[in-house]
Protein backbone atom coordinates (compact mmCIF):
# COMPACT_ATOMS: atom_id res chain seq x y z
CA MET A 1 135.23 57.83 20.03
CA ASP A 2 132.57 59.09 17.61
CA MET A 3 130.93 56.41 15.49
CA VAL A 4 127.61 55.34 14.01
CA ALA A 5 126.23 51.89 14.77
CA VAL A 6 123.75 50.92 12.07
CA LEU A 7 121.26 48.44 13.54
CA LYS A 8 119.65 45.46 11.89
CA THR A 9 116.19 46.08 10.53
CA ASN A 10 114.32 43.47 12.58
CA LEU A 11 114.93 44.99 16.02
CA ASP A 12 111.95 46.06 18.15
CA ASP A 13 112.00 48.87 20.70
CA ASN A 14 112.94 46.57 23.57
CA ALA A 15 115.93 45.24 21.65
CA VAL A 16 117.08 48.78 20.84
CA THR A 17 116.76 49.79 24.49
CA ALA A 18 118.80 46.77 25.56
CA LEU A 19 121.44 47.61 22.98
CA VAL A 20 121.67 51.18 24.25
CA GLY A 21 122.32 49.79 27.73
CA ARG A 22 125.11 47.56 26.43
CA ILE A 23 126.75 50.50 24.68
CA GLU A 24 126.53 52.62 27.84
CA SER A 25 128.19 49.79 29.79
CA LEU A 26 131.19 50.20 27.48
CA GLY A 27 131.59 53.77 28.70
CA LEU A 28 130.07 55.39 25.59
CA ALA A 29 127.31 58.00 25.34
CA PRO A 30 124.72 56.72 22.80
CA HIS A 31 122.09 58.69 20.89
CA VAL A 32 119.33 56.86 19.01
CA SER A 33 118.09 58.23 15.69
CA ARG A 34 115.40 56.68 13.50
CA THR A 35 115.20 57.22 9.75
CA GLU A 36 112.68 55.82 7.28
CA TYR A 37 114.38 52.47 6.88
CA ARG A 38 117.03 52.28 9.61
CA THR A 39 117.67 52.90 13.27
CA VAL A 40 121.16 54.06 14.10
CA ILE A 41 122.99 54.81 17.33
CA THR A 42 125.63 57.51 17.30
CA THR A 43 128.16 57.43 20.12
CA SER A 44 130.76 59.64 21.74
CA GLY A 45 133.34 59.10 24.46
CA GLY A 46 135.76 56.28 25.02
CA GLU A 47 138.78 58.14 23.66
CA GLY A 48 142.00 56.21 23.84
CA ASN A 49 140.40 52.77 23.48
CA PRO A 50 140.75 51.65 19.85
CA GLU A 51 139.01 48.34 20.61
CA LEU A 52 135.62 49.94 21.28
CA ARG A 53 134.64 50.02 17.63
CA ASP A 54 135.11 46.26 17.32
CA GLN A 55 133.29 45.68 20.60
CA VAL A 56 130.25 47.66 19.43
CA ALA A 57 130.31 45.92 16.05
CA GLN A 58 130.07 42.53 17.79
CA LEU A 59 127.00 43.44 19.84
CA GLU A 60 123.86 41.51 18.94
CA GLY A 61 121.61 43.59 16.71
CA VAL A 62 124.38 45.74 15.20
CA ASP A 63 124.69 45.46 11.43
CA ARG A 64 127.82 47.58 10.96
CA VAL A 65 129.79 50.39 12.59
CA LEU A 66 131.10 53.46 10.78
CA PRO A 67 133.68 55.89 12.18
CA ILE A 68 132.83 59.59 12.21
CA ALA A 69 135.67 61.98 11.50
CA GLN A 70 133.65 65.18 11.91
CA PRO A 71 132.04 66.75 15.00
CA TYR A 72 128.65 66.59 13.26
CA ARG A 73 127.37 63.04 13.02
CA LEU A 74 123.86 62.84 11.62
CA ALA A 75 124.60 65.50 9.00
CA SER A 76 127.73 63.74 7.77
CA ARG A 77 128.31 61.58 4.71
CA GLU A 78 129.33 58.79 7.09
CA PHE A 79 125.74 58.72 8.35
CA ALA A 80 124.19 58.68 4.85
CA GLU A 81 126.33 58.22 1.77
CA SER A 82 123.56 59.02 -0.72
CA ASP A 83 121.90 62.41 -1.05
CA THR A 84 118.83 62.95 1.07
CA ILE A 85 115.77 63.72 -1.06
CA LEU A 86 112.87 65.33 0.78
CA ASP A 87 109.23 65.05 -0.22
CA ILE A 88 107.51 68.32 0.65
CA LYS A 89 103.84 68.02 -0.32
CA GLY A 90 104.77 66.41 -3.62
CA ILE A 91 107.89 68.50 -4.25
CA ARG A 92 111.15 66.55 -4.50
CA VAL A 93 114.02 68.49 -2.94
CA GLY A 94 117.61 67.32 -3.22
CA GLY A 95 119.48 64.93 -5.46
CA PRO A 96 119.06 65.81 -9.16
CA HIS A 97 116.09 68.10 -8.53
CA VAL A 98 116.48 71.89 -8.65
CA ASN A 99 113.77 73.86 -6.86
CA VAL A 100 113.14 77.57 -6.75
CA ILE A 101 111.57 79.17 -3.69
CA ALA A 102 110.17 82.62 -4.48
CA GLY A 103 107.90 85.31 -3.10
CA PRO A 104 108.03 88.65 -1.31
CA CYS A 105 110.51 89.24 1.49
CA ALA A 106 107.65 90.31 3.77
CA ILE A 107 103.92 89.72 3.56
CA GLU A 108 102.63 93.26 3.24
CA SER A 109 99.06 92.60 2.11
CA ARG A 110 96.89 89.78 0.83
CA GLU A 111 96.60 91.41 -2.59
CA LEU A 112 100.37 91.71 -3.05
CA LEU A 113 101.03 88.18 -1.83
CA PHE A 114 98.47 86.66 -4.20
CA GLU A 115 99.71 88.74 -7.13
CA VAL A 116 103.32 87.65 -6.59
CA ALA A 117 102.33 84.04 -5.88
CA ALA A 118 100.48 83.84 -9.19
CA ALA A 119 103.49 85.24 -11.05
CA VAL A 120 106.13 82.98 -9.52
CA LYS A 121 103.94 79.89 -9.86
CA GLN A 122 103.40 80.66 -13.54
CA ALA A 123 107.15 81.15 -14.05
CA GLY A 124 107.97 77.78 -12.49
CA ALA A 125 108.68 78.31 -8.79
CA SER A 126 107.75 75.28 -6.71
CA ILE A 127 107.62 76.74 -3.18
CA LEU A 128 106.14 80.06 -2.01
CA ARG A 129 108.00 82.21 0.48
CA GLY A 130 106.77 85.14 2.54
CA GLY A 131 107.93 86.63 5.83
CA ALA A 132 105.44 87.09 8.67
CA PHE A 133 108.01 87.71 11.42
CA LYS A 134 110.83 89.93 10.19
CA PRO A 135 113.96 90.40 12.33
CA ARG A 136 115.40 93.75 11.21
CA THR A 137 118.60 95.60 11.96
CA SER A 138 116.60 98.63 13.08
CA PRO A 139 113.86 98.25 15.71
CA TYR A 140 111.93 100.97 13.85
CA SER A 141 111.72 99.03 10.56
CA PHE A 142 108.67 97.00 9.49
CA GLN A 143 108.65 93.83 11.59
CA GLY A 144 106.03 91.84 9.70
CA LYS A 145 102.33 91.09 10.22
CA GLY A 146 102.79 88.09 12.50
CA ARG A 147 99.89 85.66 12.71
CA ASP A 148 97.80 87.64 10.22
CA GLY A 149 100.61 87.25 7.71
CA LEU A 150 100.78 83.52 8.37
CA ILE A 151 97.06 83.18 7.64
CA MET A 152 97.53 85.02 4.33
CA LEU A 153 100.48 82.78 3.45
CA GLN A 154 98.46 79.64 4.15
CA GLU A 155 95.59 80.93 2.00
CA ALA A 156 97.96 81.74 -0.86
CA GLY A 157 99.63 78.34 -0.63
CA GLN A 158 96.25 76.61 -0.81
CA ALA A 159 94.99 78.84 -3.62
CA PHE A 160 98.04 78.22 -5.82
CA ASN A 161 98.71 74.67 -4.66
CA MET A 162 102.24 75.46 -3.46
CA PRO A 163 104.08 74.48 -0.26
CA THR A 164 104.97 77.52 1.84
CA ILE A 165 108.01 78.58 3.84
CA THR A 166 108.38 81.39 6.37
CA GLU A 167 110.93 82.42 8.95
CA VAL A 168 110.54 81.55 12.61
CA THR A 169 112.51 83.80 14.94
CA ASP A 170 111.44 82.82 18.44
CA THR A 171 110.76 79.55 20.25
CA ARG A 172 107.41 81.02 21.33
CA ASP A 173 106.35 81.27 17.66
CA VAL A 174 107.20 77.71 16.61
CA GLU A 175 103.73 76.38 17.35
CA VAL A 176 101.87 79.05 15.38
CA VAL A 177 104.26 78.83 12.40
CA TYR A 178 103.89 75.04 12.49
CA LYS A 179 100.12 75.47 12.22
CA TYR A 180 100.11 77.70 9.14
CA ALA A 181 103.31 77.03 7.13
CA ASP A 182 104.78 73.92 5.50
CA MET A 183 108.44 74.71 6.17
CA PHE A 184 110.41 76.53 8.86
CA GLN A 185 113.11 78.97 7.82
CA VAL A 186 115.82 79.67 10.39
CA GLY A 187 117.48 82.89 9.31
CA ALA A 188 121.15 83.82 9.39
CA ARG A 189 120.76 85.78 12.61
CA ASN A 190 119.27 82.72 14.32
CA MET A 191 121.57 80.05 12.88
CA GLN A 192 123.15 79.62 16.31
CA ASN A 193 119.97 80.11 18.32
CA TYR A 194 120.27 76.59 19.69
CA ASN A 195 117.03 76.65 21.69
CA LEU A 196 115.15 77.52 18.51
CA LEU A 197 116.93 74.77 16.57
CA LEU A 198 116.06 72.22 19.23
CA GLU A 199 112.41 73.30 19.20
CA VAL A 200 111.93 73.00 15.43
CA GLY A 201 113.82 69.72 15.64
CA LYS A 202 110.94 68.33 17.71
CA THR A 203 108.55 68.80 14.79
CA ASP A 204 108.09 66.85 11.57
CA LYS A 205 108.25 69.82 9.18
CA PRO A 206 111.28 70.66 7.01
CA VAL A 207 113.77 73.14 8.46
CA PHE A 208 115.63 75.48 6.11
CA ILE A 209 118.77 76.81 7.84
CA LYS A 210 120.64 79.81 6.49
CA ARG A 211 124.36 80.22 7.10
CA GLY A 212 125.24 83.04 9.47
CA LEU A 213 127.04 86.02 8.00
CA ALA A 214 130.23 85.17 9.96
CA ALA A 215 129.79 81.40 10.28
CA SER A 216 131.96 78.65 8.84
CA THR A 217 130.49 75.72 6.94
CA THR A 218 131.30 73.51 9.92
CA GLU A 219 129.28 75.77 12.19
CA LEU A 220 126.37 75.60 9.75
CA LEU A 221 126.51 71.80 9.81
CA MET A 222 126.64 71.83 13.62
CA SER A 223 123.47 73.94 13.62
CA ALA A 224 121.84 71.33 11.39
CA GLU A 225 123.01 68.71 13.86
CA TYR A 226 120.94 70.35 16.60
CA VAL A 227 117.79 69.83 14.52
CA LEU A 228 118.77 66.32 13.47
CA SER A 229 119.57 65.31 17.04
CA GLN A 230 115.91 65.82 17.98
CA GLY A 231 114.74 63.34 15.36
CA ASN A 232 113.82 65.73 12.54
CA HIS A 233 115.87 64.64 9.52
CA ARG A 234 114.12 67.00 7.09
CA VAL A 235 116.83 69.67 6.98
CA ILE A 236 117.98 71.91 4.14
CA LEU A 237 121.15 74.03 4.25
CA CYS A 238 121.38 77.48 2.66
CA GLU A 239 124.39 79.61 1.71
CA ARG A 240 123.36 83.29 1.73
CA GLY A 241 126.61 85.24 1.69
CA ILE A 242 129.21 86.05 4.33
CA ARG A 243 130.74 89.27 5.60
CA THR A 244 134.10 90.09 3.94
CA PHE A 245 136.13 93.21 3.22
CA ALA A 246 134.39 93.60 -0.17
CA ASP A 247 131.94 96.50 -0.26
CA ASP A 248 130.56 96.19 -3.79
CA VAL A 249 127.71 93.99 -2.61
CA ARG A 250 125.78 93.45 0.59
CA PHE A 251 127.58 90.18 1.36
CA THR A 252 130.01 87.94 -0.51
CA LEU A 253 128.33 84.83 -1.90
CA ASP A 254 130.51 81.83 -1.08
CA VAL A 255 129.75 79.66 -4.12
CA SER A 256 132.45 77.22 -3.02
CA ALA A 257 130.31 76.39 0.02
CA VAL A 258 127.93 74.44 -2.25
CA PRO A 259 130.35 71.67 -3.33
CA VAL A 260 132.11 71.75 0.05
CA LEU A 261 128.86 71.14 1.94
CA GLN A 262 127.77 68.49 -0.55
CA GLU A 263 131.06 66.68 -0.10
CA ARG A 264 130.73 66.66 3.68
CA SER A 265 126.97 66.25 4.10
CA HIS A 266 124.05 64.39 2.53
CA LEU A 267 121.64 67.29 3.14
CA PRO A 268 120.32 69.44 0.23
CA VAL A 269 122.13 72.76 -0.25
CA PHE A 270 120.34 75.90 -1.45
CA VAL A 271 121.64 79.40 -2.19
CA ASP A 272 120.06 82.78 -1.41
CA PRO A 273 121.40 85.22 -4.04
CA SER A 274 119.00 88.00 -2.98
CA HIS A 275 120.50 88.58 0.46
CA ALA A 276 124.03 88.00 -0.79
CA ALA A 277 123.80 90.64 -3.50
CA GLY A 278 121.48 93.21 -1.98
CA ARG A 279 120.97 94.34 -5.60
CA ARG A 280 118.37 92.90 -7.94
CA ASP A 281 120.60 93.16 -11.03
CA LEU A 282 123.06 90.68 -9.48
CA VAL A 283 120.47 88.12 -8.36
CA PRO A 284 120.09 86.25 -11.70
CA PRO A 285 123.83 85.75 -12.35
CA LEU A 286 124.41 84.60 -8.77
CA ALA A 287 121.46 82.22 -9.01
CA LEU A 288 122.86 80.78 -12.25
CA ALA A 289 126.27 80.36 -10.60
CA ALA A 290 124.64 78.50 -7.70
CA VAL A 291 122.88 76.01 -9.96
CA ALA A 292 126.03 75.60 -12.06
CA ALA A 293 127.89 74.74 -8.83
CA GLY A 294 125.35 71.99 -8.14
CA ALA A 295 122.97 73.65 -5.68
CA ALA A 296 119.65 71.90 -5.03
CA GLY A 297 117.86 75.20 -5.47
CA VAL A 298 117.72 78.93 -4.84
CA ILE A 299 115.48 81.15 -2.75
CA VAL A 300 114.79 84.59 -4.21
CA GLU A 301 112.66 87.59 -3.42
CA VAL A 302 110.07 88.81 -5.91
CA HIS A 303 107.91 91.93 -5.64
CA SER A 304 105.53 93.55 -8.13
CA CYS A 305 106.54 97.05 -7.00
CA PRO A 306 109.91 96.76 -5.24
CA ASP A 307 110.42 100.53 -5.01
CA LYS A 308 107.52 100.61 -2.54
CA ALA A 309 108.41 97.40 -0.69
CA LEU A 310 108.45 97.59 3.10
CA CYS A 311 111.43 95.22 3.32
CA ASP A 312 114.51 94.68 1.09
CA GLY A 313 113.04 96.28 -2.01
CA PRO A 314 116.43 96.89 -3.74
CA GLN A 315 117.11 93.16 -3.99
CA ALA A 316 113.62 92.02 -5.07
CA LEU A 317 113.10 90.93 -8.68
CA LEU A 318 110.19 92.10 -10.76
CA PRO A 319 108.00 89.18 -11.95
CA THR A 320 109.16 89.62 -15.56
CA LYS A 321 112.83 89.47 -14.53
CA PHE A 322 112.09 86.42 -12.41
CA GLU A 323 110.53 84.67 -15.38
CA GLY A 324 113.61 85.38 -17.47
CA MET A 325 115.86 84.03 -14.73
CA MET A 326 113.79 80.84 -14.54
CA ASN A 327 114.26 80.21 -18.25
CA GLN A 328 118.03 80.51 -17.85
CA LEU A 329 118.06 78.31 -14.75
CA ARG A 330 116.42 75.48 -16.67
CA GLN A 331 119.19 75.60 -19.25
CA ILE A 332 121.98 75.64 -16.67
CA ALA A 333 120.37 72.82 -14.69
CA GLU A 334 120.22 70.67 -17.82
CA VAL A 335 123.90 71.28 -18.55
CA VAL A 336 124.94 69.98 -15.10
CA GLY A 337 122.59 67.01 -15.27
CA HIS A 338 119.85 68.40 -13.04
CA ARG A 339 116.36 69.66 -13.75
CA VAL A 340 114.17 72.44 -12.38
CA THR A 341 111.13 70.92 -10.68
CA ARG A 342 107.59 72.25 -10.79
CA TRP A 343 104.95 71.33 -8.24
CA GLY A 344 103.37 67.93 -8.83
CA GLU A 345 105.79 66.72 -11.49
CA GLU A 346 106.50 63.00 -11.50
CA GLY A 347 110.08 62.02 -10.75
CA GLU A 348 112.18 59.36 -9.20
CA HIS A 349 111.03 57.44 -6.15
CA VAL A 350 111.71 59.52 -3.06
CA ARG A 351 113.72 58.14 -0.17
CA PRO A 352 112.33 60.58 2.38
CA ALA A 353 114.23 61.73 5.41
CA ALA A 354 111.68 60.64 7.99
CA THR A 355 110.83 61.69 11.49
CA GLY A 356 108.67 60.17 14.15
CA GLY A 357 105.77 62.26 12.84
CA GLY A 358 103.77 65.09 14.36
CA TRP A 359 104.90 67.25 17.24
CA ARG A 360 107.12 65.75 19.89
CA SER A 361 107.38 67.47 23.24
């Protein structure tokens, strides 16, 4: 029987430990998770005994018990009815805020990265992206600059006062990415790399998870659950297109995934129109559709000379086109009752999705 026991706020660690023991004595498997303001215990097991929910609810220290209808627990609306809003170095992500993550697909040079960072910051992007480790279909394609690229990304983030995000592809690279970047990106190819998800879940930095090209929305939420289960509640979901029979574009952007995920989960939902389209002319309309559908933001690729890009040049926007897209996004966001956020803007009080802090081994 899957359920969430929300504990009273005045319990100390000894009381929580004792409560876990009581729940185990009922034949249930408990898992403790701590958020900013609450400690909850999710449980599984005990199928066929409808009285267990009432028994757990009557335990001393339990405030209330909520049933969980989905296989994912911590990512579900049952766990948190209101939208999670993350605070990423002053940037509010989720809820009514619309954020744009932009930058080159791959960090090719310091000069290019700084040029693009200046352009996207000026146009209104709030978070800087740049790939240092690039998993490619061909082993002969450019694979990224690794640690050197991470150092450049950190320097650019500091120079332009922007949080940074980059992809982590291997458990062995989590520590070095943690050192230099502000957010982890788990790409579509690694969405079900459960060891990697568990490792980034042990950190206190936001984790941006892209939907796999053949994955269902439930599978995406289960991947988020791996991160959440380790105590890191700073998770963002991303729809980036799925493989269908259509051959007009690189992938088919599943716009319906945005409201579906928002209905089932409290986590922010972004859209990646660049990888879905594979063509730069389609990126702006797909980005507009994402915001119109209620997405918390988009992540797009921008390059000052995409014809010479070492990675995904055909889908990268020129800075001028990106600026035009940003102007349109602001209008669409206003229509649906949201607003595009710039770095450092004042907004509503943030209810952060907290972790235990630091690195937990």
